[in-house]
Amino acid sequence: MFFSCCFINIKSFENIVGLRDAKVVNNKIYISAVTINESDCYNLDILYSNLNSNKLIFEKLFSTNFELCLKGGMQSGGRIDIFDNENLIITIGDFGFLKLKKDSNYIFENNNHIGKIIKVNTLTRKTEVLSKGHRNPQGLIKINNPQLIISTEHGPEGGDEINLNRLDKIYNFGWPVASYGILYNGENPFVSNHKEFGYEEPKKYYIPSIAIGQIIEKNISEKEFLFTSLRSSSIYHIKFDENYNKILFEKKYLFEERIRDILKLKNNYFAVTLDSSPSLGLFYLE
């Protein structure tokens, strides 16, 4: 979609410290933004504007409910996708929750937004927790047949994950109790076997970390997907089995550039954002 604009009021939101994602839905643009309040506490907001005029006048749709004062915006999540005609889904990271040295069970409570994937109704603004126990989910895609969500997530030192939520319950992926990674100082306070402790196992995890990014469909009828990587400077191609129980194969395409985002165009063409240049790239994959 192309449009011209003579006025954008995004600068009026003076507490924005970083933009995370944007999605155009039903002639509206939704933007996720990391914000900071007067107490230097970080949150994630969703702003939106109509696209049917020459002005982008943003309003706030949603703001995280943390209760705790989280001091870092690096592990913020912020990926947006469409759930249905009235709802968006949004990933929310833990914002460095471990640094607070609070009880880990707090992150598993459904009355806060830390480390969650949530559904937000764009009409009523009502929210619903879909999954929890996330550290920094950077990729998100909703599948309609069958109904499920696939997310990708940055682990600590090692332990990047591909996770799957079938929407039949609130899935708990275990962070910050369960992880296949370790802390950056070399300590390992985590349990690795998620299932043994009542958490969902990732469909795949990566040691060392690849700094996994956005995931999109390549060929949904064949259950094939592409996802990006910052650290390994690559695009990964994966295929699930018929019931999405396991990944059947994985292929890696080296770009020699940190790749943050990917967008499917048409006729097997894809666009990517390259971090190292920085620049936009275009590639073809049959």
C-alpha atoms as a PDB file:
ATOM      1  CA  MET A   1       0.000   0.000   0.000  1.00  0.00           C
ATOM      2  CA  PHE A   2       1.283   3.463  -0.934  1.00  0.00           C
ATOM      3  CA  PHE A   3      -0.054   6.697   0.452  1.00  0.00           C
ATOM      4  CA  SER A   4       1.038  10.296   0.798  1.00  0.00           C
ATOM      5  CA  CYS A   5       0.826  12.119   4.060  1.00  0.00           C
ATOM      6  CA  CYS A   6       1.291  15.686   5.032  1.00  0.00           C
ATOM      7  CA  PHE A   7       0.838  15.363   8.797  1.00  0.00           C
ATOM      8  CA  ILE A   8       1.787  12.680  11.316  1.00  0.00           C
ATOM      9  CA  ASN A   9       1.199  13.230  15.028  1.00  0.00           C
ATOM     10  CA  ILE A  10       3.415  10.351  16.224  1.00  0.00           C
ATOM     11  CA  LYS A  11       5.857  12.923  17.639  1.00  0.00           C
ATOM     12  CA  SER A  12       3.196  14.035  20.091  1.00  0.00           C
ATOM     13  CA  PHE A  13       3.751  10.749  21.931  1.00  0.00           C
ATOM     14  CA  GLU A  14       6.900  12.054  23.574  1.00  0.00           C
ATOM     15  CA  ASN A  15       7.394   8.979  25.753  1.00  0.00           C
ATOM     16  CA  ILE A  16       8.195   6.650  22.812  1.00  0.00           C
ATOM     17  CA  VAL A  17      11.726   5.239  22.973  1.00  0.00           C
ATOM     18  CA  GLY A  18      11.477   2.664  20.176  1.00  0.00           C
ATOM     19  CA  LEU A  19       9.141   1.288  17.504  1.00  0.00           C
ATOM     20  CA  ARG A  20       8.825  -2.483  17.205  1.00  0.00           C
ATOM     21  CA  ASP A  21       6.339  -3.433  14.453  1.00  0.00           C
ATOM     22  CA  ALA A  22       3.614  -2.129  12.135  1.00  0.00           C
ATOM     23  CA  LYS A  23       0.598  -3.835  10.597  1.00  0.00           C
ATOM     24  CA  VAL A  24      -2.043  -2.552   8.173  1.00  0.00           C
ATOM     25  CA  VAL A  25      -5.495  -4.017   8.871  1.00  0.00           C
ATOM     26  CA  ASN A  26      -8.829  -2.867   7.409  1.00  0.00           C
ATOM     27  CA  ASN A  27      -7.428   0.467   6.273  1.00  0.00           C
ATOM     28  CA  LYS A  28      -5.837   1.181   9.632  1.00  0.00           C
ATOM     29  CA  ILE A  29      -2.183   1.067  10.587  1.00  0.00           C
ATOM     30  CA  TYR A  30      -1.233  -0.362  13.981  1.00  0.00           C
ATOM     31  CA  ILE A  31       2.192   0.325  15.502  1.00  0.00           C
ATOM     32  CA  SER A  32       3.801  -1.224  18.571  1.00  0.00           C
ATOM     33  CA  ALA A  33       6.004   1.146  20.540  1.00  0.00           C
ATOM     34  CA  VAL A  34       8.166   0.838  23.646  1.00  0.00           C
ATOM     35  CA  THR A  35       7.354   3.737  25.960  1.00  0.00           C
ATOM     36  CA  ILE A  36       8.765   5.095  29.199  1.00  0.00           C
ATOM     37  CA  ASN A  37       6.810   6.871  31.933  1.00  0.00           C
ATOM     38  CA  GLU A  38       7.728   9.606  34.399  1.00  0.00           C
ATOM     39  CA  SER A  39       9.120   6.984  36.805  1.00  0.00           C
ATOM     40  CA  ASP A  40      11.456   5.612  34.101  1.00  0.00           C
ATOM     41  CA  CYS A  41       9.410   2.412  33.854  1.00  0.00           C
ATOM     42  CA  TYR A  42       8.995   0.758  30.450  1.00  0.00           C
ATOM     43  CA  ASN A  43       5.803  -0.445  28.754  1.00  0.00           C
ATOM     44  CA  LEU A  44       4.586  -1.559  25.340  1.00  0.00           C
ATOM     45  CA  ASP A  45       1.832   0.461  23.658  1.00  0.00           C
ATOM     46  CA  ILE A  46      -0.217  -0.170  20.522  1.00  0.00           C
ATOM     47  CA  LEU A  47      -1.082   2.966  18.548  1.00  0.00           C
ATOM     48  CA  TYR A  48      -3.337   3.155  15.514  1.00  0.00           C
ATOM     49  CA  SER A  49      -4.406   5.583  12.799  1.00  0.00           C
ATOM     50  CA  ASN A  50      -6.826   5.543   9.881  1.00  0.00           C
ATOM     51  CA  LEU A  51      -5.310   5.509   6.394  1.00  0.00           C
ATOM     52  CA  ASN A  52      -8.228   7.088   4.559  1.00  0.00           C
ATOM     53  CA  SER A  53      -6.969  10.684   4.644  1.00  0.00           C
ATOM     54  CA  ASN A  54      -3.774  12.652   4.153  1.00  0.00           C
ATOM     55  CA  LYS A  55      -3.237  12.769   7.899  1.00  0.00           C
ATOM     56  CA  LEU A  56      -2.013  10.039  10.221  1.00  0.00           C
ATOM     57  CA  ILE A  57      -3.578  10.882  13.573  1.00  0.00           C
ATOM     58  CA  PHE A  58      -2.517   8.181  16.037  1.00  0.00           C
ATOM     59  CA  GLU A  59      -4.468   7.153  19.105  1.00  0.00           C
ATOM     60  CA  LYS A  60      -3.615   4.605  21.778  1.00  0.00           C
ATOM     61  CA  LEU A  61      -5.364   1.227  21.516  1.00  0.00           C
ATOM     62  CA  PHE A  62      -3.561  -0.657  24.270  1.00  0.00           C
ATOM     63  CA  SER A  63      -0.885  -0.307  26.926  1.00  0.00           C
ATOM     64  CA  THR A  64       0.681  -3.099  28.964  1.00  0.00           C
ATOM     65  CA  ASN A  65      -0.338  -3.654  32.556  1.00  0.00           C
ATOM     66  CA  PHE A  66       2.882  -4.503  34.366  1.00  0.00           C
ATOM     67  CA  GLU A  67       2.351  -3.184  37.917  1.00  0.00           C
ATOM     68  CA  LEU A  68       6.069  -3.727  38.466  1.00  0.00           C
ATOM     69  CA  CYS A  69       8.525  -1.057  37.298  1.00  0.00           C
ATOM     70  CA  LEU A  70      10.503  -2.680  34.490  1.00  0.00           C
ATOM     71  CA  LYS A  71      13.685  -0.770  33.682  1.00  0.00           C
ATOM     72  CA  GLY A  72      14.734  -2.216  30.323  1.00  0.00           C
ATOM     73  CA  GLY A  73      13.159  -2.051  26.874  1.00  0.00           C
ATOM     74  CA  MET A  74      15.415  -4.503  25.038  1.00  0.00           C
ATOM     75  CA  GLN A  75      13.377  -7.685  25.654  1.00  0.00           C
ATOM     76  CA  SER A  76      10.086  -6.104  24.678  1.00  0.00           C
ATOM     77  CA  GLY A  77       8.625  -8.345  21.964  1.00  0.00           C
ATOM     78  CA  GLY A  78       6.134  -6.139  20.131  1.00  0.00           C
ATOM     79  CA  ARG A  79       5.315  -8.285  17.088  1.00  0.00           C
ATOM     80  CA  ILE A  80       1.766  -7.839  15.714  1.00  0.00           C
ATOM     81  CA  ASP A  81      -0.399 -10.160  13.627  1.00  0.00           C
ATOM     82  CA  ILE A  82      -4.080 -10.504  12.698  1.00  0.00           C
ATOM     83  CA  PHE A  83      -6.138 -12.955  14.754  1.00  0.00           C
ATOM     84  CA  ASP A  84      -9.527 -12.378  13.090  1.00  0.00           C
ATOM     85  CA  ASN A  85     -11.685  -9.510  11.796  1.00  0.00           C
ATOM     86  CA  GLU A  86     -11.861  -7.788  15.181  1.00  0.00           C
ATOM     87  CA  ASN A  87      -8.723  -8.899  17.002  1.00  0.00           C
ATOM     88  CA  LEU A  88      -4.967  -8.504  16.848  1.00  0.00           C
ATOM     89  CA  ILE A  89      -2.382 -10.663  18.582  1.00  0.00           C
ATOM     90  CA  ILE A  90       0.701  -9.096  20.132  1.00  0.00           C
ATOM     91  CA  THR A  91       3.886 -10.504  21.645  1.00  0.00           C
ATOM     92  CA  ILE A  92       5.130  -8.970  24.887  1.00  0.00           C
ATOM     93  CA  GLY A  93       8.576  -9.744  26.264  1.00  0.00           C
ATOM     94  CA  ASP A  94       9.711  -9.882  29.874  1.00  0.00           C
ATOM     95  CA  PHE A  95      11.508  -6.492  29.725  1.00  0.00           C
ATOM     96  CA  GLY A  96      14.429  -7.895  31.756  1.00  0.00           C
ATOM     97  CA  PHE A  97      12.200  -9.317  34.490  1.00  0.00           C
ATOM     98  CA  LEU A  98      15.027 -11.436  35.961  1.00  0.00           C
ATOM     99  CA  LYS A  99      16.914  -8.291  36.969  1.00  0.00           C
ATOM    100  CA  LEU A 100      14.181  -7.529  39.508  1.00  0.00           C
ATOM    101  CA  LYS A 101      14.888 -10.827  41.290  1.00  0.00           C
ATOM    102  CA  LYS A 102      11.177 -11.315  41.928  1.00  0.00           C
ATOM    103  CA  ASP A 103       9.317 -14.608  42.323  1.00  0.00           C
ATOM    104  CA  SER A 104       9.313 -16.265  38.884  1.00  0.00           C
ATOM    105  CA  ASN A 105       5.698 -17.320  39.326  1.00  0.00           C
ATOM    106  CA  TYR A 106       4.633 -13.683  38.908  1.00  0.00           C
ATOM    107  CA  ILE A 107       5.319 -13.889  35.187  1.00  0.00           C
ATOM    108  CA  PHE A 108       2.887 -16.832  34.932  1.00  0.00           C
ATOM    109  CA  GLU A 109      -0.061 -14.940  36.445  1.00  0.00           C
ATOM    110  CA  ASN A 110      -2.767 -14.066  33.923  1.00  0.00           C
ATOM    111  CA  ASN A 111      -3.539 -10.638  35.422  1.00  0.00           C
ATOM    112  CA  ASN A 112      -0.351  -9.038  34.089  1.00  0.00           C
ATOM    113  CA  HIS A 113       1.163  -8.777  30.611  1.00  0.00           C
ATOM    114  CA  ILE A 114       4.802  -9.696  31.295  1.00  0.00           C
ATOM    115  CA  GLY A 115       6.084 -12.417  28.953  1.00  0.00           C
ATOM    116  CA  LYS A 116       2.745 -13.000  27.224  1.00  0.00           C
ATOM    117  CA  ILE A 117       1.136 -13.322  23.816  1.00  0.00           C
ATOM    118  CA  ILE A 118      -2.225 -11.603  24.053  1.00  0.00           C
ATOM    119  CA  LYS A 119      -5.281 -10.986  21.902  1.00  0.00           C
ATOM    120  CA  VAL A 120      -6.567  -7.392  21.722  1.00  0.00           C
ATOM    121  CA  ASN A 121     -10.011  -6.521  20.400  1.00  0.00           C
ATOM    122  CA  THR A 122      -9.683  -3.436  18.184  1.00  0.00           C
ATOM    123  CA  LEU A 123     -13.311  -2.394  18.872  1.00  0.00           C
ATOM    124  CA  THR A 124     -13.770  -3.036  22.601  1.00  0.00           C
ATOM    125  CA  ARG A 125     -10.051  -2.983  23.586  1.00  0.00           C
ATOM    126  CA  LYS A 126     -10.675  -6.119  25.635  1.00  0.00           C
ATOM    127  CA  THR A 127      -7.579  -8.305  26.055  1.00  0.00           C
ATOM    128  CA  GLU A 128      -7.097 -12.031  26.519  1.00  0.00           C
ATOM    129  CA  VAL A 129      -3.950 -13.989  27.388  1.00  0.00           C
ATOM    130  CA  LEU A 130      -3.208 -16.714  24.827  1.00  0.00           C
ATOM    131  CA  SER A 131       0.176 -17.905  26.076  1.00  0.00           C
ATOM    132  CA  LYS A 132       2.773 -17.056  28.708  1.00  0.00           C
ATOM    133  CA  GLY A 133       6.279 -17.873  29.865  1.00  0.00           C
ATOM    134  CA  HIS A 134       7.939 -15.930  27.023  1.00  0.00           C
ATOM    135  CA  ARG A 135      11.272 -14.100  27.216  1.00  0.00           C
ATOM    136  CA  ASN A 136      11.412 -12.042  24.022  1.00  0.00           C
ATOM    137  CA  PRO A 137       9.129 -13.327  21.234  1.00  0.00           C
ATOM    138  CA  GLN A 138      10.295 -11.701  17.981  1.00  0.00           C
ATOM    139  CA  GLY A 139       8.280 -13.653  15.404  1.00  0.00           C
ATOM    140  CA  LEU A 140       4.544 -14.306  15.197  1.00  0.00           C
ATOM    141  CA  ILE A 141       2.115 -15.842  12.726  1.00  0.00           C
ATOM    142  CA  LYS A 142      -1.518 -16.912  13.110  1.00  0.00           C
ATOM    143  CA  ILE A 143      -2.622 -19.954  11.066  1.00  0.00           C
ATOM    144  CA  ASN A 144      -6.322 -20.400  10.296  1.00  0.00           C
ATOM    145  CA  ASN A 145      -6.501 -24.054   9.197  1.00  0.00           C
ATOM    146  CA  PRO A 146      -5.894 -25.495  11.702  1.00  0.00           C
ATOM    147  CA  GLN A 147      -6.263 -22.677  14.225  1.00  0.00           C
ATOM    148  CA  LEU A 148      -2.864 -22.141  15.820  1.00  0.00           C
ATOM    149  CA  ILE A 149      -0.123 -19.610  16.533  1.00  0.00           C
ATOM    150  CA  ILE A 150       3.572 -20.074  15.791  1.00  0.00           C
ATOM    151  CA  SER A 151       6.012 -17.781  17.578  1.00  0.00           C
ATOM    152  CA  THR A 152       9.790 -17.455  17.591  1.00  0.00           C
ATOM    153  CA  GLU A 153      11.667 -16.316  20.677  1.00  0.00           C
ATOM    154  CA  HIS A 154      15.069 -15.060  21.738  1.00  0.00           C
ATOM    155  CA  GLY A 155      16.526 -17.154  24.540  1.00  0.00           C
ATOM    156  CA  PRO A 156      19.339 -15.999  26.843  1.00  0.00           C
ATOM    157  CA  GLU A 157      22.800 -17.358  25.922  1.00  0.00           C
ATOM    158  CA  GLY A 158      21.477 -20.185  23.779  1.00  0.00           C
ATOM    159  CA  GLY A 159      17.938 -21.482  23.800  1.00  0.00           C
ATOM    160  CA  ASP A 160      16.221 -19.560  20.982  1.00  0.00           C
ATOM    161  CA  GLU A 161      12.869 -21.265  20.393  1.00  0.00           C
ATOM    162  CA  ILE A 162      10.135 -22.016  17.870  1.00  0.00           C
ATOM    163  CA  ASN A 163       6.873 -22.449  19.804  1.00  0.00           C
ATOM    164  CA  LEU A 164       3.386 -23.551  18.790  1.00  0.00           C
ATOM    165  CA  ASN A 165       0.075 -22.744  20.474  1.00  0.00           C
ATOM    166  CA  ARG A 166      -3.038 -24.650  19.344  1.00  0.00           C
ATOM    167  CA  LEU A 167      -5.417 -22.195  21.100  1.00  0.00           C
ATOM    168  CA  ASP A 168      -7.105 -24.953  23.108  1.00  0.00           C
ATOM    169  CA  LYS A 169      -5.758 -23.535  26.388  1.00  0.00           C
ATOM    170  CA  ILE A 170      -3.366 -20.914  27.746  1.00  0.00           C
ATOM    171  CA  TYR A 171       0.026 -22.406  26.906  1.00  0.00           C
ATOM    172  CA  ASN A 172       2.920 -21.876  29.333  1.00  0.00           C
ATOM    173  CA  PHE A 173       6.351 -22.059  27.694  1.00  0.00           C
ATOM    174  CA  GLY A 174       8.236 -21.895  30.975  1.00  0.00           C
ATOM    175  CA  TRP A 175      10.402 -18.778  30.978  1.00  0.00           C
ATOM    176  CA  PRO A 176      12.057 -17.810  33.342  1.00  0.00           C
ATOM    177  CA  VAL A 177      12.033 -21.274  34.950  1.00  0.00           C
ATOM    178  CA  ALA A 178      12.652 -23.449  31.878  1.00  0.00           C
ATOM    179  CA  SER A 179      15.164 -22.737  29.122  1.00  0.00           C
ATOM    180  CA  TYR A 180      17.729 -24.602  27.037  1.00  0.00           C
ATOM    181  CA  GLY A 181      20.049 -21.613  27.350  1.00  0.00           C
ATOM    182  CA  ILE A 182      22.117 -20.179  30.205  1.00  0.00           C
ATOM    183  CA  LEU A 183      22.667 -16.690  31.602  1.00  0.00           C
ATOM    184  CA  TYR A 184      25.246 -14.449  29.927  1.00  0.00           C
ATOM    185  CA  ASN A 185      27.477 -14.703  33.023  1.00  0.00           C
ATOM    186  CA  GLY A 186      27.670 -18.479  32.563  1.00  0.00           C
ATOM    187  CA  GLU A 187      25.282 -19.398  35.369  1.00  0.00           C
ATOM    188  CA  ASN A 188      22.469 -21.843  34.673  1.00  0.00           C
ATOM    189  CA  PRO A 189      19.496 -21.514  37.044  1.00  0.00           C
ATOM    190  CA  PHE A 190      17.076 -23.058  34.522  1.00  0.00           C
ATOM    191  CA  VAL A 191      15.509 -26.473  34.074  1.00  0.00           C
ATOM    192  CA  SER A 192      15.862 -27.741  30.521  1.00  0.00           C
ATOM    193  CA  ASN A 193      13.230 -30.449  30.208  1.00  0.00           C
ATOM    194  CA  HIS A 194      10.132 -28.265  29.970  1.00  0.00           C
ATOM    195  CA  LYS A 195       7.576 -31.079  29.911  1.00  0.00           C
ATOM    196  CA  GLU A 196       8.891 -32.694  33.094  1.00  0.00           C
ATOM    197  CA  PHE A 197       8.027 -29.516  35.009  1.00  0.00           C
ATOM    198  CA  GLY A 198       4.637 -28.935  33.365  1.00  0.00           C
ATOM    199  CA  TYR A 199       5.663 -26.495  30.613  1.00  0.00           C
ATOM    200  CA  GLU A 200       5.347 -26.693  26.853  1.00  0.00           C
ATOM    201  CA  GLU A 201       8.374 -27.947  24.938  1.00  0.00           C
ATOM    202  CA  PRO A 202       9.530 -25.809  22.001  1.00  0.00           C
ATOM    203  CA  LYS A 203       9.162 -27.400  18.571  1.00  0.00           C
ATOM    204  CA  LYS A 204      12.834 -26.572  18.079  1.00  0.00           C
ATOM    205  CA  TYR A 205      15.551 -24.765  20.016  1.00  0.00           C
ATOM    206  CA  TYR A 206      18.943 -23.429  18.974  1.00  0.00           C
ATOM    207  CA  ILE A 207      22.250 -23.713  20.833  1.00  0.00           C
ATOM    208  CA  PRO A 208      24.089 -21.448  20.290  1.00  0.00           C
ATOM    209  CA  SER A 209      21.476 -18.755  19.732  1.00  0.00           C
ATOM    210  CA  ILE A 210      20.843 -17.561  16.191  1.00  0.00           C
ATOM    211  CA  ALA A 211      18.936 -14.411  17.303  1.00  0.00           C
ATOM    212  CA  ILE A 212      15.772 -15.706  15.665  1.00  0.00           C
ATOM    213  CA  GLY A 213      13.386 -13.175  14.127  1.00  0.00           C
ATOM    214  CA  GLN A 214      10.133 -12.915  12.230  1.00  0.00           C
ATOM    215  CA  ILE A 215       8.425 -16.029  10.837  1.00  0.00           C
ATOM    216  CA  ILE A 216       6.120 -16.005   7.797  1.00  0.00           C
ATOM    217  CA  GLU A 217       4.435 -18.560   5.585  1.00  0.00           C
ATOM    218  CA  LYS A 218       6.192 -19.713   2.442  1.00  0.00           C
ATOM    219  CA  ASN A 219       3.618 -22.255   1.298  1.00  0.00           C
ATOM    220  CA  ILE A 220       0.878 -22.717   3.856  1.00  0.00           C
ATOM    221  CA  SER A 221      -0.704 -25.677   2.066  1.00  0.00           C
ATOM    222  CA  GLU A 222       2.621 -27.514   2.403  1.00  0.00           C
ATOM    223  CA  LYS A 223       3.151 -26.193   5.959  1.00  0.00           C
ATOM    224  CA  GLU A 224       6.362 -24.447   4.935  1.00  0.00           C
ATOM    225  CA  PHE A 225       7.658 -21.313   6.638  1.00  0.00           C
ATOM    226  CA  LEU A 226      10.585 -18.908   6.511  1.00  0.00           C
ATOM    227  CA  PHE A 227      12.148 -17.107   9.444  1.00  0.00           C
ATOM    228  CA  THR A 228      14.991 -14.643   9.854  1.00  0.00           C
ATOM    229  CA  SER A 229      18.167 -14.650  11.906  1.00  0.00           C
ATOM    230  CA  LEU A 230      20.331 -11.788  13.091  1.00  0.00           C
ATOM    231  CA  ARG A 231      23.312 -13.674  14.478  1.00  0.00           C
ATOM    232  CA  SER A 232      23.652 -16.286  11.741  1.00  0.00           C
ATOM    233  CA  SER A 233      22.837 -13.741   9.003  1.00  0.00           C
ATOM    234  CA  SER A 234      20.488 -16.185   7.306  1.00  0.00           C
ATOM    235  CA  ILE A 235      16.974 -17.070   6.237  1.00  0.00           C
ATOM    236  CA  TYR A 236      15.776 -20.463   7.480  1.00  0.00           C
ATOM    237  CA  HIS A 237      13.260 -22.592   5.588  1.00  0.00           C
ATOM    238  CA  ILE A 238      11.322 -25.165   7.632  1.00  0.00           C
ATOM    239  CA  LYS A 239       8.487 -27.610   6.971  1.00  0.00           C
ATOM    240  CA  PHE A 240       6.139 -29.081   9.566  1.00  0.00           C
ATOM    241  CA  ASP A 241       4.501 -32.478   9.390  1.00  0.00           C
ATOM    242  CA  GLU A 242       0.779 -32.843   8.625  1.00  0.00           C
ATOM    243  CA  ASN A 243      -0.361 -32.139  12.211  1.00  0.00           C
ATOM    244  CA  TYR A 244       2.316 -29.579  13.147  1.00  0.00           C
ATOM    245  CA  ASN A 245       3.739 -31.984  15.688  1.00  0.00           C
ATOM    246  CA  LYS A 246       7.334 -31.739  14.509  1.00  0.00           C
ATOM    247  CA  ILE A 247       9.612 -30.054  11.988  1.00  0.00           C
ATOM    248  CA  LEU A 248      10.473 -32.411   9.127  1.00  0.00           C
ATOM    249  CA  PHE A 249      13.314 -30.468   7.551  1.00  0.00           C
ATOM    250  CA  GLU A 250      15.258 -27.228   7.800  1.00  0.00           C
ATOM    251  CA  LYS A 251      17.369 -25.438   5.213  1.00  0.00           C
ATOM    252  CA  LYS A 252      19.525 -22.361   5.744  1.00  0.00           C
ATOM    253  CA  TYR A 253      20.211 -19.597   3.185  1.00  0.00           C
ATOM    254  CA  LEU A 254      23.238 -17.471   4.108  1.00  0.00           C
ATOM    255  CA  PHE A 255      22.950 -13.740   3.342  1.00  0.00           C
ATOM    256  CA  GLU A 256      26.061 -12.498   5.201  1.00  0.00           C
ATOM    257  CA  GLU A 257      23.886  -9.732   6.644  1.00  0.00           C
ATOM    258  CA  ARG A 258      21.950  -9.550   9.906  1.00  0.00           C
ATOM    259  CA  ILE A 259      18.306 -10.041   8.865  1.00  0.00           C
ATOM    260  CA  ARG A 260      15.640  -8.584  11.106  1.00  0.00           C
ATOM    261  CA  ASP A 261      12.353  -8.839   9.207  1.00  0.00           C
ATOM    262  CA  ILE A 262      10.824 -10.582   6.211  1.00  0.00           C
ATOM    263  CA  LEU A 263       7.701  -9.975   4.129  1.00  0.00           C
ATOM    264  CA  LYS A 264       6.077 -12.204   1.525  1.00  0.00           C
ATOM    265  CA  LEU A 265       5.330 -10.358  -1.711  1.00  0.00           C
ATOM    266  CA  LYS A 266       4.037 -12.503  -4.600  1.00  0.00           C
ATOM    267  CA  ASN A 267       5.247 -15.085  -7.121  1.00  0.00           C
ATOM    268  CA  ASN A 268       7.791 -16.452  -4.621  1.00  0.00           C
ATOM    269  CA  TYR A 269       9.425 -13.065  -4.040  1.00  0.00           C
ATOM    270  CA  PHE A 270      10.252 -11.935  -0.504  1.00  0.00           C
ATOM    271  CA  ALA A 271      11.493  -8.662   0.972  1.00  0.00           C
ATOM    272  CA  VAL A 272      13.859  -8.479   3.939  1.00  0.00           C
ATOM    273  CA  THR A 273      15.268  -5.750   6.156  1.00  0.00           C
ATOM    274  CA  LEU A 274      19.051  -6.003   6.472  1.00  0.00           C
ATOM    275  CA  ASP A 275      20.537  -4.739   9.721  1.00  0.00           C
ATOM    276  CA  SER A 276      24.194  -4.532   8.765  1.00  0.00           C
ATOM    277  CA  SER A 277      23.856  -2.215   5.737  1.00  0.00           C
ATOM    278  CA  PRO A 278      21.156  -1.013   6.719  1.00  0.00           C
ATOM    279  CA  SER A 279      19.034  -1.640   3.630  1.00  0.00           C
ATOM    280  CA  LEU A 280      16.123  -3.510   2.106  1.00  0.00           C
ATOM    281  CA  GLY A 281      16.662  -6.720   0.163  1.00  0.00           C
ATOM    282  CA  LEU A 282      14.646  -8.725  -2.341  1.00  0.00           C
ATOM    283  CA  PHE A 283      15.050 -12.421  -3.036  1.00  0.00           C
ATOM    284  CA  TYR A 284      13.337 -15.185  -4.952  1.00  0.00           C
ATOM    285  CA  LEU A 285      12.784 -18.668  -3.584  1.00  0.00           C
ATOM    286  CA  GLU A 286      10.861 -21.409  -5.395  1.00  0.00           C
END
